[in-house]
Amino acid sequence: MTDLTENTPSKKHRPPQHGPLESTRQEAPCCVECGTPLIETPSSGEVVCPACGLVGRDRRIDSSARGSCSRDQPPVVGPPSMTIIPRPPNNIGLSSEARVSLYRIRRLQNRERARESSISYKRMHDLIRLFASQLNLGSNVCETAFNLFKRLRQQHANVRPFDIWAVTFLYVAARLLRLPRHIYEFACIIEGATSYYRTPAFRQAVRAIYVRVRRLVIVLGLRLPPPIVQSFIVRGATLCGLPPDILSRALALSETVTIESVRHHMGKSMTPRSLAAGLLYLVVRETPLEVTSIDIANALGLSHMTVRKNRRVLLRLLSQQPES
């Protein structure tokens, strides 16, 4: 007997059949009405009957068509059904009267911006002059502060409220010119106080100045020099009305007693302002002058307890050092 299975091709070696629906079905589907095989139209992506026109399947995605993913046009999948016209510019399609009115509005807007800019320049200049006169600052500080304002306006930065920004410009200008002024003095001007009151409004004013100083340094790329002890000594002696011999004695002590020596020998950290107050009070206590720690503290913006504590630290430091 002959084996008939040898000439019969198996399913594994059966040649592939191509067609639009052979991937899902072995035979082409037929119309349910007339029995005619359905065909696929590539233009619309529908499966229809050629005899009676019955649609067997619609809304099939045509992957052969090129889609549009442009930002100006909506995404398109499948064959394009309409031509997309790009949106014309604002000036195209306007009448002459509308174009003239549009240009007139733009001119008015530019004129209003220039007017507001000139008003802000004049107001900032007046505030800087006023606050500088209250702090007894010179004209060079005012010029430096106003130049900082103009540089910041070139960066299109907001400079409101004007009073806080004017004080900030003055403080940064004083730091750049190495003038011994503390931030508490400028905060008192914002609050309207005559002394160093530790009120919530005062602390809020100090915080507002610190925030704007940091922003000004970052935007303009400034490098503020550190304060000098000798400048605070001169300012404290001037405000307290101390004679020149006491001033010279305090300046001589500042050459030997530095912040680094206090930190190294005593393990205490002092700011230049607190060290200057301690040196002044140390020299004043050796004389019969009636200058108290409260006077020195008010002159340099410190607490009188801080001044007394710094004097005791300096006395211990000087007792440890050998006499030359």
Protein backbone atom coordinates (compact mmCIF):
# COMPACT_ATOMS: atom_id res chain seq x y z
CA MET A 1 0.00 0.00 0.00
CA THR A 2 1.21 3.43 -0.81
CA ASP A 3 1.31 6.08 1.86
CA LEU A 4 -0.77 9.02 0.74
CA THR A 5 0.53 11.25 3.47
CA GLU A 6 3.95 11.61 1.86
CA ASN A 7 2.62 13.72 -1.06
CA THR A 8 0.21 15.69 1.09
CA PRO A 9 1.83 18.92 2.34
CA SER A 10 1.52 19.45 6.05
CA LYS A 11 0.29 22.65 7.66
CA LYS A 12 3.81 23.47 8.77
CA HIS A 13 5.14 23.54 5.18
CA ARG A 14 2.06 25.09 3.58
CA PRO A 15 2.99 28.20 1.53
CA PRO A 16 1.86 31.52 2.99
CA GLN A 17 -1.21 33.17 1.57
CA HIS A 18 -1.31 36.95 1.19
CA GLY A 19 -4.38 39.07 1.47
CA PRO A 20 -5.89 41.87 3.49
CA LEU A 21 -7.77 39.56 5.86
CA GLU A 22 -5.69 36.37 5.78
CA SER A 23 -3.83 37.35 8.98
CA THR A 24 -7.01 36.96 11.00
CA ARG A 25 -9.10 34.52 8.94
CA GLN A 26 -8.32 31.62 6.62
CA GLU A 27 -11.08 32.57 4.14
CA ALA A 28 -12.26 35.95 2.92
CA PRO A 29 -15.51 37.07 4.62
CA CYS A 30 -18.67 37.19 2.58
CA CYS A 31 -21.57 39.57 2.56
CA VAL A 32 -24.41 38.54 4.83
CA GLU A 33 -27.01 39.79 2.33
CA CYS A 34 -25.90 38.46 -1.06
CA GLY A 35 -22.96 36.18 -0.22
CA THR A 36 -20.46 38.09 -2.38
CA PRO A 37 -16.89 38.22 -0.97
CA LEU A 38 -16.11 41.55 0.63
CA ILE A 39 -13.26 43.75 -0.59
CA GLU A 40 -11.21 46.46 1.17
CA THR A 41 -10.95 50.00 -0.22
CA PRO A 42 -7.52 51.51 0.62
CA SER A 43 -8.67 55.12 0.15
CA SER A 44 -11.30 55.05 2.94
CA GLY A 45 -10.14 52.03 4.92
CA GLU A 46 -13.57 50.33 4.70
CA VAL A 47 -14.52 46.70 3.91
CA VAL A 48 -17.56 46.80 1.55
CA CYS A 49 -19.54 44.47 -0.66
CA PRO A 50 -19.00 45.20 -4.39
CA ALA A 51 -22.45 43.88 -5.29
CA CYS A 52 -24.89 45.49 -2.85
CA GLY A 53 -22.64 48.13 -1.21
CA LEU A 54 -22.99 46.80 2.36
CA VAL A 55 -20.23 48.11 4.65
CA GLY A 56 -18.77 45.24 6.62
CA ARG A 57 -16.21 47.22 8.64
CA ASP A 58 -15.26 50.90 8.77
CA ARG A 59 -12.88 53.31 10.61
CA ARG A 60 -9.83 51.20 10.02
CA ILE A 61 -6.54 53.12 10.46
CA ASP A 62 -4.55 53.48 7.27
CA SER A 63 -0.95 53.13 8.37
CA SER A 64 0.37 53.89 4.89
CA ALA A 65 -0.72 57.54 5.06
CA ARG A 66 1.65 60.16 6.47
CA GLY A 67 0.47 61.92 9.61
CA SER A 68 1.18 65.46 10.74
CA CYS A 69 2.60 66.17 14.20
CA SER A 70 3.38 69.85 13.70
CA ARG A 71 2.75 72.29 16.53
CA ASP A 72 0.78 74.62 14.26
CA GLN A 73 -1.42 71.87 12.76
CA PRO A 74 -3.59 69.24 14.45
CA PRO A 75 -2.43 65.59 14.21
CA VAL A 76 -3.83 63.75 11.16
CA VAL A 77 -4.11 59.96 10.83
CA GLY A 78 -5.12 58.41 7.53
CA PRO A 79 -5.63 60.03 4.16
CA PRO A 80 -6.11 63.81 4.31
CA SER A 81 -9.65 64.89 3.56
CA MET A 82 -9.03 68.66 3.49
CA THR A 83 -6.20 71.10 2.95
CA ILE A 84 -5.01 72.89 6.11
CA ILE A 85 -4.47 76.59 5.53
CA PRO A 86 -1.90 78.21 7.88
CA ARG A 87 -3.08 81.02 10.11
CA PRO A 88 -2.08 84.43 8.71
CA PRO A 89 -0.25 87.03 10.85
CA ASN A 90 -2.16 89.63 12.79
CA ASN A 91 -1.60 92.43 10.29
CA ILE A 92 -2.72 90.42 7.24
CA GLY A 93 -6.38 90.63 6.49
CA LEU A 94 -6.97 93.88 8.37
CA SER A 95 -8.44 96.95 6.79
CA SER A 96 -6.48 100.18 6.60
CA GLU A 97 -8.61 101.80 9.34
CA ALA A 98 -8.07 98.84 11.67
CA ARG A 99 -4.32 98.83 10.97
CA VAL A 100 -4.07 102.56 11.73
CA SER A 101 -5.95 102.15 15.02
CA LEU A 102 -3.73 99.20 15.94
CA TYR A 103 -0.57 101.25 15.38
CA ARG A 104 -2.07 104.12 17.38
CA ILE A 105 -2.73 101.79 20.33
CA ARG A 106 0.84 100.49 20.18
CA ARG A 107 2.25 104.01 20.22
CA LEU A 108 0.11 104.88 23.23
CA GLN A 109 1.27 101.75 25.04
CA ASN A 110 4.95 102.54 24.38
CA ARG A 111 4.43 106.11 25.52
CA GLU A 112 2.76 104.92 28.73
CA ARG A 113 5.61 102.50 29.44
CA ALA A 114 8.17 105.27 28.97
CA ARG A 115 6.16 107.56 31.26
CA GLU A 116 5.97 104.90 33.98
CA SER A 117 9.70 104.24 33.64
CA SER A 118 10.54 107.95 34.05
CA ILE A 119 8.25 108.18 37.08
CA SER A 120 9.86 105.15 38.73
CA TYR A 121 13.35 106.57 38.06
CA LYS A 122 12.44 109.91 39.64
CA ARG A 123 10.74 108.32 42.64
CA MET A 124 13.65 105.97 43.30
CA HIS A 125 16.12 108.85 43.00
CA ASP A 126 14.15 110.92 45.52
CA LEU A 127 13.86 108.01 47.98
CA ILE A 128 17.58 107.26 47.79
CA ARG A 129 18.40 110.92 48.47
CA LEU A 130 15.95 111.06 51.38
CA PHE A 131 17.17 107.87 53.09
CA ALA A 132 20.82 108.81 52.52
CA SER A 133 20.27 112.13 54.28
CA GLN A 134 18.65 110.33 57.23
CA LEU A 135 21.61 107.91 57.47
CA ASN A 136 24.22 110.66 56.94
CA LEU A 137 25.57 109.00 53.81
CA GLY A 138 27.51 110.91 51.20
CA SER A 139 26.76 111.63 47.58
CA ASN A 140 29.06 108.83 46.41
CA VAL A 141 26.84 106.30 48.16
CA CYS A 142 23.76 107.79 46.49
CA GLU A 143 25.37 107.60 43.06
CA THR A 144 26.43 104.00 43.59
CA ALA A 145 22.96 103.05 44.82
CA PHE A 146 21.26 104.71 41.83
CA ASN A 147 23.63 102.97 39.42
CA LEU A 148 22.66 99.65 41.01
CA PHE A 149 19.01 100.55 40.45
CA LYS A 150 19.61 101.31 36.77
CA ARG A 151 21.54 98.08 36.28
CA LEU A 152 18.73 96.09 37.85
CA ARG A 153 16.10 97.81 35.70
CA GLN A 154 18.06 96.83 32.60
CA GLN A 155 17.47 93.22 33.62
CA HIS A 156 13.68 93.92 33.59
CA ALA A 157 13.38 93.16 37.31
CA ASN A 158 10.56 94.34 39.53
CA VAL A 159 11.68 97.04 41.99
CA ARG A 160 8.55 97.38 44.11
CA PRO A 161 7.97 98.36 46.87
CA PHE A 162 10.22 101.33 46.23
CA ASP A 163 11.13 102.08 49.86
CA ILE A 164 12.53 98.62 50.61
CA TRP A 165 14.44 98.54 47.36
CA ALA A 166 15.87 102.03 47.95
CA VAL A 167 17.15 100.95 51.37
CA THR A 168 18.56 97.78 49.81
CA PHE A 169 20.46 99.75 47.17
CA LEU A 170 21.89 102.03 49.87
CA TYR A 171 22.97 99.10 52.03
CA VAL A 172 24.70 97.33 49.14
CA ALA A 173 26.37 100.58 48.06
CA ALA A 174 27.66 101.10 51.61
CA ARG A 175 29.02 97.55 51.63
CA LEU A 176 30.74 98.07 48.29
CA LEU A 177 32.33 101.31 49.53
CA ARG A 178 33.37 99.61 52.82
CA LEU A 179 31.33 101.91 55.03
CA PRO A 180 30.63 100.59 58.56
CA ARG A 181 26.85 100.50 58.49
CA HIS A 182 24.72 97.67 59.82
CA ILE A 183 21.53 96.43 58.27
CA TYR A 184 19.57 97.30 61.43
CA GLU A 185 20.05 101.00 60.74
CA PHE A 186 18.40 100.64 57.34
CA ALA A 187 15.59 98.50 58.78
CA CYS A 188 14.78 101.25 61.28
CA ILE A 189 14.20 103.65 58.39
CA ILE A 190 11.69 101.30 56.79
CA GLU A 191 9.86 100.81 60.06
CA GLY A 192 10.03 104.49 60.98
CA ALA A 193 11.70 103.86 64.33
CA THR A 194 14.47 105.91 65.90
CA SER A 195 16.20 103.06 67.73
CA TYR A 196 16.72 99.31 67.43
CA TYR A 197 13.35 97.95 68.47
CA ARG A 198 13.04 94.16 68.20
CA THR A 199 9.43 94.20 67.07
CA PRO A 200 7.87 91.81 64.52
CA ALA A 201 7.73 94.63 61.97
CA PHE A 202 11.43 95.32 62.53
CA ARG A 203 12.36 91.66 62.02
CA GLN A 204 10.18 91.54 58.91
CA ALA A 205 11.96 94.60 57.51
CA VAL A 206 15.37 93.03 58.16
CA ARG A 207 14.28 89.82 56.44
CA ALA A 208 12.96 91.77 53.44
CA ILE A 209 16.28 93.58 53.03
CA TYR A 210 18.26 90.33 53.28
CA VAL A 211 16.10 88.70 50.59
CA ARG A 212 16.55 91.61 48.18
CA VAL A 213 20.28 91.85 48.86
CA ARG A 214 20.66 88.18 47.94
CA ARG A 215 18.64 88.69 44.78
CA LEU A 216 20.64 91.78 43.82
CA VAL A 217 23.94 89.97 44.32
CA ILE A 218 22.81 87.00 42.19
CA VAL A 219 21.29 89.02 39.32
CA LEU A 220 24.11 91.57 39.02
CA GLY A 221 26.92 89.19 39.96
CA LEU A 222 28.25 91.35 42.81
CA ARG A 223 30.86 90.39 45.37
CA LEU A 224 30.37 92.23 48.64
CA PRO A 225 33.59 92.77 50.59
CA PRO A 226 33.58 91.67 54.25
CA PRO A 227 33.25 94.43 56.86
CA ILE A 228 36.36 95.68 58.65
CA VAL A 229 36.74 95.91 62.43
CA GLN A 230 38.57 99.24 62.24
CA SER A 231 35.71 100.91 60.37
CA PHE A 232 33.24 99.90 63.10
CA ILE A 233 35.63 101.20 65.76
CA VAL A 234 35.82 104.59 64.05
CA ARG A 235 32.06 104.79 63.66
CA GLY A 236 31.37 103.77 67.28
CA ALA A 237 33.89 106.28 68.62
CA THR A 238 32.41 109.03 66.47
CA LEU A 239 28.83 108.38 67.56
CA CYS A 240 29.77 108.13 71.24
CA GLY A 241 31.94 111.27 71.12
CA LEU A 242 35.13 109.57 72.33
CA PRO A 243 38.42 111.51 72.29
CA PRO A 244 41.15 110.68 69.74
CA ASP A 245 43.45 108.97 72.27
CA ILE A 246 40.80 106.34 73.06
CA LEU A 247 40.21 105.82 69.36
CA SER A 248 43.92 105.30 68.71
CA ARG A 249 44.15 102.89 71.66
CA ALA A 250 41.23 100.80 70.35
CA LEU A 251 42.71 100.76 66.84
CA ALA A 252 46.06 99.58 68.25
CA LEU A 253 44.34 96.75 70.11
CA SER A 254 42.52 95.71 66.94
CA GLU A 255 45.88 95.01 65.30
CA THR A 256 46.76 92.36 67.94
CA VAL A 257 43.30 91.06 68.85
CA THR A 258 41.65 89.69 65.73
CA ILE A 259 38.64 87.50 65.08
CA GLU A 260 40.91 84.57 64.25
CA SER A 261 42.84 84.90 67.53
CA VAL A 262 39.61 85.01 69.54
CA ARG A 263 38.34 81.91 67.76
CA HIS A 264 41.65 80.08 68.16
CA HIS A 265 42.39 80.84 71.83
CA MET A 266 38.94 81.30 73.33
CA GLY A 267 36.79 79.15 71.06
CA LYS A 268 34.37 82.06 70.57
CA SER A 269 33.09 83.41 67.26
CA MET A 270 32.66 87.18 66.92
CA THR A 271 31.54 89.41 64.12
CA PRO A 272 33.60 92.50 63.24
CA ARG A 273 30.90 94.70 64.75
CA SER A 274 30.78 92.84 68.07
CA LEU A 275 34.58 92.76 68.32
CA ALA A 276 34.76 96.50 67.71
CA ALA A 277 32.16 97.12 70.42
CA GLY A 278 34.09 94.93 72.88
CA LEU A 279 37.36 96.75 72.18
CA LEU A 280 35.76 100.17 72.59
CA TYR A 281 34.14 99.21 75.89
CA LEU A 282 37.40 97.66 77.10
CA VAL A 283 39.31 100.88 76.46
CA VAL A 284 36.54 103.11 77.86
CA ARG A 285 36.44 101.20 81.17
CA GLU A 286 40.10 102.11 81.75
CA THR A 287 39.24 105.83 81.63
CA PRO A 288 36.98 107.97 83.84
CA LEU A 289 34.67 108.75 80.93
CA GLU A 290 30.94 108.34 81.54
CA VAL A 291 30.27 106.15 78.52
CA THR A 292 28.27 103.04 79.28
CA SER A 293 27.86 99.79 77.42
CA ILE A 294 24.35 100.89 76.44
CA ASP A 295 25.78 103.89 74.56
CA ILE A 296 28.21 101.71 72.62
CA ALA A 297 25.50 99.12 71.96
CA ASN A 298 23.12 101.75 70.58
CA ALA A 299 25.89 103.22 68.41
CA LEU A 300 26.76 99.89 66.78
CA GLY A 301 23.36 98.22 66.87
CA LEU A 302 24.05 95.56 69.50
CA SER A 303 22.74 94.49 72.85
CA HIS A 304 24.51 95.89 75.94
CA MET A 305 24.80 92.34 77.30
CA THR A 306 26.70 91.36 74.15
CA VAL A 307 29.08 94.28 74.65
CA ARG A 308 29.80 93.29 78.25
CA LYS A 309 30.28 89.64 77.38
CA ASN A 310 32.73 90.51 74.59
CA ARG A 311 34.74 92.69 77.00
CA ARG A 312 35.10 89.78 79.42
CA VAL A 313 36.24 87.48 76.61
CA LEU A 314 38.82 90.03 75.47
CA LEU A 315 40.12 90.46 79.03
CA ARG A 316 40.71 86.71 79.35
CA LEU A 317 42.41 86.66 75.96
CA LEU A 318 44.73 89.55 76.81
CA SER A 319 45.64 87.95 80.18
CA GLN A 320 46.71 84.77 78.37
CA GLN A 321 48.92 86.59 75.88
CA PRO A 322 52.51 87.43 77.04
CA GLU A 323 53.28 91.09 77.47
CA SER A 324 55.60 92.51 74.80
